[in-house]
């Protein structure tokens, strides 16, 4: 009774089973991830030091019943809500509309064909009157495909 120890032509596997784990793909993936993080990490940080103001989480006490709109038409006519006014009378008309509360947000609407200087003139008048919370209103963009 004997055992054959060397591989011969009698029924043995040409490639014997290998019980060792192949870590090469694992190392390749880890190196790629390391390179990605080494490149991405500096990009995600801000290098300019700035002292940010604290956030105020308190909601406003009095919410406006109706938003206040200032509208400028293409011909330069200025409206406070639906009432036409002139540029010299704009500040007084706004103060009347908001009952003197200059902290009220004012929404500025202007025709798209209006000259930029006309919009800036109205914004300067608003700031000169103490209205610093001015929001510019634009039409929502609609996708042509939907």
C-alpha atoms as a PDB file:
ATOM      1  CA  UNK A   1       0.000   0.000   0.000  1.00  0.00           C
ATOM      2  CA  UNK A   2       1.503   3.191  -1.036  1.00  0.00           C
ATOM      3  CA  UNK A   3       0.518   6.777  -1.731  1.00  0.00           C
ATOM      4  CA  UNK A   4       1.657   8.774  -4.610  1.00  0.00           C
ATOM      5  CA  UNK A   5       3.108  12.092  -3.426  1.00  0.00           C
ATOM      6  CA  UNK A   6       4.139  13.741  -6.641  1.00  0.00           C
ATOM      7  CA  UNK A   7       1.715  14.952  -9.252  1.00  0.00           C
ATOM      8  CA  UNK A   8       1.565  12.644 -12.167  1.00  0.00           C
ATOM      9  CA  UNK A   9      -0.695  11.915 -15.022  1.00  0.00           C
ATOM     10  CA  UNK A  10      -3.096   9.882 -12.968  1.00  0.00           C
ATOM     11  CA  UNK A  11      -6.228  11.954 -12.192  1.00  0.00           C
ATOM     12  CA  UNK A  12      -4.697  14.871 -10.174  1.00  0.00           C
ATOM     13  CA  UNK A  13      -5.822  18.503 -10.587  1.00  0.00           C
ATOM     14  CA  UNK A  14      -3.676  20.600 -12.863  1.00  0.00           C
ATOM     15  CA  UNK A  15      -4.233  23.605 -10.525  1.00  0.00           C
ATOM     16  CA  UNK A  16      -4.325  22.686  -6.875  1.00  0.00           C
ATOM     17  CA  UNK A  17      -6.665  24.677  -4.541  1.00  0.00           C
ATOM     18  CA  UNK A  18      -5.185  27.866  -3.141  1.00  0.00           C
ATOM     19  CA  UNK A  19      -6.434  28.706   0.321  1.00  0.00           C
ATOM     20  CA  UNK A  20      -4.784  32.139   0.556  1.00  0.00           C
ATOM     21  CA  UNK A  21      -6.863  35.299   0.179  1.00  0.00           C
ATOM     22  CA  UNK A  22      -5.969  37.570  -2.727  1.00  0.00           C
ATOM     23  CA  UNK A  23      -5.833  41.084  -1.236  1.00  0.00           C
ATOM     24  CA  UNK A  24      -4.597  42.858  -4.364  1.00  0.00           C
ATOM     25  CA  UNK A  25      -8.071  44.090  -5.477  1.00  0.00           C
ATOM     26  CA  UNK A  26      -8.791  45.264  -1.924  1.00  0.00           C
ATOM     27  CA  UNK A  27      -5.530  47.225  -1.791  1.00  0.00           C
ATOM     28  CA  UNK A  28      -6.228  48.747  -5.214  1.00  0.00           C
ATOM     29  CA  UNK A  29      -9.658  49.959  -4.110  1.00  0.00           C
ATOM     30  CA  UNK A  30      -8.272  51.383  -0.866  1.00  0.00           C
ATOM     31  CA  UNK A  31      -5.530  53.285  -2.695  1.00  0.00           C
ATOM     32  CA  UNK A  32      -8.027  54.776  -5.133  1.00  0.00           C
ATOM     33  CA  UNK A  33     -10.259  55.872  -2.224  1.00  0.00           C
ATOM     34  CA  UNK A  34      -7.270  57.330  -0.411  1.00  0.00           C
ATOM     35  CA  UNK A  35      -6.324  59.399  -3.465  1.00  0.00           C
ATOM     36  CA  UNK A  36      -9.908  60.602  -3.899  1.00  0.00           C
ATOM     37  CA  UNK A  37     -10.115  61.720  -0.260  1.00  0.00           C
ATOM     38  CA  UNK A  38      -6.688  63.352  -0.401  1.00  0.00           C
ATOM     39  CA  UNK A  39      -7.851  65.460  -3.363  1.00  0.00           C
ATOM     40  CA  UNK A  40     -11.406  66.142  -2.152  1.00  0.00           C
ATOM     41  CA  UNK A  41     -10.678  66.999   1.487  1.00  0.00           C
ATOM     42  CA  UNK A  42      -8.793  70.266   0.851  1.00  0.00           C
ATOM     43  CA  UNK A  43     -11.471  71.364  -1.620  1.00  0.00           C
ATOM     44  CA  UNK A  44     -14.240  71.041   0.957  1.00  0.00           C
ATOM     45  CA  UNK A  45     -12.620  73.329   3.519  1.00  0.00           C
ATOM     46  CA  UNK A  46     -12.689  77.114   3.490  1.00  0.00           C
ATOM     47  CA  UNK A  47      -9.301  78.667   4.001  1.00  0.00           C
ATOM     48  CA  UNK A  48     -10.451  82.242   4.657  1.00  0.00           C
ATOM     49  CA  UNK A  49     -11.030  82.771   8.391  1.00  0.00           C
ATOM     50  CA  UNK A  50     -14.209  84.726   9.084  1.00  0.00           C
ATOM     51  CA  UNK A  51     -16.065  85.356  12.320  1.00  0.00           C
ATOM     52  CA  UNK A  52     -19.641  84.516  11.439  1.00  0.00           C
ATOM     53  CA  UNK A  53     -22.491  86.211  13.279  1.00  0.00           C
ATOM     54  CA  UNK A  54     -24.720  84.052  15.438  1.00  0.00           C
ATOM     55  CA  UNK A  55     -27.914  82.827  13.823  1.00  0.00           C
ATOM     56  CA  UNK A  56     -31.170  84.041  15.241  1.00  0.00           C
ATOM     57  CA  UNK A  57     -33.628  81.199  15.329  1.00  0.00           C
ATOM     58  CA  UNK A  58     -36.419  83.315  16.773  1.00  0.00           C
ATOM     59  CA  UNK A  59     -39.263  83.767  14.284  1.00  0.00           C
ATOM     60  CA  UNK A  60     -40.478  87.304  13.649  1.00  0.00           C
ATOM     61  CA  UNK A  61     -43.093  88.464  16.132  1.00  0.00           C
ATOM     62  CA  UNK A  62     -45.502  90.069  13.716  1.00  0.00           C
ATOM     63  CA  UNK A  63     -45.880  88.455  10.346  1.00  0.00           C
ATOM     64  CA  UNK A  64     -47.255  90.789   7.724  1.00  0.00           C
ATOM     65  CA  UNK A  65     -50.821  90.166   6.705  1.00  0.00           C
ATOM     66  CA  UNK A  66     -50.080  91.049   3.111  1.00  0.00           C
ATOM     67  CA  UNK A  67     -46.681  91.467   1.425  1.00  0.00           C
ATOM     68  CA  UNK A  68     -45.856  94.993   0.299  1.00  0.00           C
ATOM     69  CA  UNK A  69     -44.944  95.272  -3.370  1.00  0.00           C
ATOM     70  CA  UNK A  70     -43.325  98.168  -5.172  1.00  0.00           C
ATOM     71  CA  UNK A  71     -43.749  97.761  -8.926  1.00  0.00           C
ATOM     72  CA  UNK A  72     -41.971  99.640 -11.698  1.00  0.00           C
ATOM     73  CA  UNK A  73     -43.515  99.417 -15.150  1.00  0.00           C
ATOM     74  CA  UNK A  74     -41.561  99.649 -18.405  1.00  0.00           C
ATOM     75  CA  UNK A  75     -42.518 103.302 -18.842  1.00  0.00           C
ATOM     76  CA  UNK A  76     -41.156 104.133 -15.361  1.00  0.00           C
ATOM     77  CA  UNK A  77     -44.467 104.367 -13.511  1.00  0.00           C
ATOM     78  CA  UNK A  78     -44.035 103.351  -9.865  1.00  0.00           C
ATOM     79  CA  UNK A  79     -46.754 101.630  -7.848  1.00  0.00           C
ATOM     80  CA  UNK A  80     -47.046 100.835  -4.143  1.00  0.00           C
ATOM     81  CA  UNK A  81     -49.288  97.800  -4.237  1.00  0.00           C
ATOM     82  CA  UNK A  82     -51.940  98.925  -6.790  1.00  0.00           C
ATOM     83  CA  UNK A  83     -51.643 102.671  -6.168  1.00  0.00           C
ATOM     84  CA  UNK A  84     -49.579 104.739  -8.614  1.00  0.00           C
ATOM     85  CA  UNK A  85     -47.131 107.161  -7.046  1.00  0.00           C
ATOM     86  CA  UNK A  86     -44.216 109.359  -8.066  1.00  0.00           C
ATOM     87  CA  UNK A  87     -40.607 108.865  -7.034  1.00  0.00           C
ATOM     88  CA  UNK A  88     -40.577 111.824  -4.591  1.00  0.00           C
ATOM     89  CA  UNK A  89     -43.761 110.512  -2.930  1.00  0.00           C
ATOM     90  CA  UNK A  90     -42.628 106.844  -2.842  1.00  0.00           C
ATOM     91  CA  UNK A  91     -41.170 106.922   0.678  1.00  0.00           C
ATOM     92  CA  UNK A  92     -44.263 108.564   2.176  1.00  0.00           C
ATOM     93  CA  UNK A  93     -46.595 106.161   0.378  1.00  0.00           C
ATOM     94  CA  UNK A  94     -44.590 103.193   1.695  1.00  0.00           C
ATOM     95  CA  UNK A  95     -44.519 104.517   5.259  1.00  0.00           C
ATOM     96  CA  UNK A  96     -48.289 104.920   5.112  1.00  0.00           C
ATOM     97  CA  UNK A  97     -48.723 101.377   3.772  1.00  0.00           C
ATOM     98  CA  UNK A  98     -46.526  99.764   6.479  1.00  0.00           C
ATOM     99  CA  UNK A  99     -47.637 102.102   9.286  1.00  0.00           C
ATOM    100  CA  UNK A 100     -44.132 103.515   9.728  1.00  0.00           C
ATOM    101  CA  UNK A 101     -42.453 100.123  10.223  1.00  0.00           C
ATOM    102  CA  UNK A 102     -39.249 100.390   8.184  1.00  0.00           C
ATOM    103  CA  UNK A 103     -38.315  96.817   9.181  1.00  0.00           C
ATOM    104  CA  UNK A 104     -41.093  95.515   6.925  1.00  0.00           C
ATOM    105  CA  UNK A 105     -39.833  93.561   3.905  1.00  0.00           C
ATOM    106  CA  UNK A 106     -40.498  95.330   0.622  1.00  0.00           C
ATOM    107  CA  UNK A 107     -40.753  93.261  -2.562  1.00  0.00           C
ATOM    108  CA  UNK A 108     -39.508  95.120  -5.635  1.00  0.00           C
ATOM    109  CA  UNK A 109     -40.929  94.067  -9.002  1.00  0.00           C
ATOM    110  CA  UNK A 110     -39.614  95.630 -12.193  1.00  0.00           C
ATOM    111  CA  UNK A 111     -40.318  95.066 -15.873  1.00  0.00           C
ATOM    112  CA  UNK A 112     -37.542  93.077 -17.557  1.00  0.00           C
ATOM    113  CA  UNK A 113     -37.171  95.728 -20.279  1.00  0.00           C
ATOM    114  CA  UNK A 114     -36.651  98.512 -17.741  1.00  0.00           C
ATOM    115  CA  UNK A 115     -33.221 100.149 -17.596  1.00  0.00           C
ATOM    116  CA  UNK A 116     -31.078  99.020 -14.671  1.00  0.00           C
ATOM    117  CA  UNK A 117     -30.526 102.625 -13.559  1.00  0.00           C
ATOM    118  CA  UNK A 118     -34.280 103.029 -12.970  1.00  0.00           C
ATOM    119  CA  UNK A 119     -34.329 100.012 -10.661  1.00  0.00           C
ATOM    120  CA  UNK A 120     -31.262 101.287  -8.803  1.00  0.00           C
ATOM    121  CA  UNK A 121     -32.842 104.735  -8.451  1.00  0.00           C
ATOM    122  CA  UNK A 122     -35.880 103.196  -6.737  1.00  0.00           C
ATOM    123  CA  UNK A 123     -33.664 101.002  -4.531  1.00  0.00           C
ATOM    124  CA  UNK A 124     -31.640 104.089  -3.517  1.00  0.00           C
ATOM    125  CA  UNK A 125     -34.850 105.900  -2.619  1.00  0.00           C
ATOM    126  CA  UNK A 126     -35.977 102.922  -0.526  1.00  0.00           C
ATOM    127  CA  UNK A 127     -32.668 102.772   1.324  1.00  0.00           C
ATOM    128  CA  UNK A 128     -32.675 106.541   1.825  1.00  0.00           C
ATOM    129  CA  UNK A 129     -36.112 106.196   3.421  1.00  0.00           C
ATOM    130  CA  UNK A 130     -34.826 103.504   5.803  1.00  0.00           C
ATOM    131  CA  UNK A 131     -36.202 100.421   4.028  1.00  0.00           C
ATOM    132  CA  UNK A 132     -33.212  98.064   3.948  1.00  0.00           C
ATOM    133  CA  UNK A 133     -35.105  94.779   3.668  1.00  0.00           C
ATOM    134  CA  UNK A 134     -35.775  94.824  -0.067  1.00  0.00           C
ATOM    135  CA  UNK A 135     -36.371  91.608  -1.962  1.00  0.00           C
ATOM    136  CA  UNK A 136     -36.227  91.436  -5.747  1.00  0.00           C
ATOM    137  CA  UNK A 137     -39.047  89.454  -7.352  1.00  0.00           C
ATOM    138  CA  UNK A 138     -38.513  87.363 -10.477  1.00  0.00           C
ATOM    139  CA  UNK A 139     -40.724  85.020 -12.402  1.00  0.00           C
ATOM    140  CA  UNK A 140     -40.175  81.303 -11.804  1.00  0.00           C
ATOM    141  CA  UNK A 141     -38.223  79.558 -14.508  1.00  0.00           C
ATOM    142  CA  UNK A 142     -40.314  76.956 -16.326  1.00  0.00           C
ATOM    143  CA  UNK A 143     -38.669  74.026 -18.096  1.00  0.00           C
ATOM    144  CA  UNK A 144     -39.695  73.720 -21.744  1.00  0.00           C
ATOM    145  CA  UNK A 145     -39.552  69.911 -21.588  1.00  0.00           C
ATOM    146  CA  UNK A 146     -42.171  69.480 -18.862  1.00  0.00           C
END
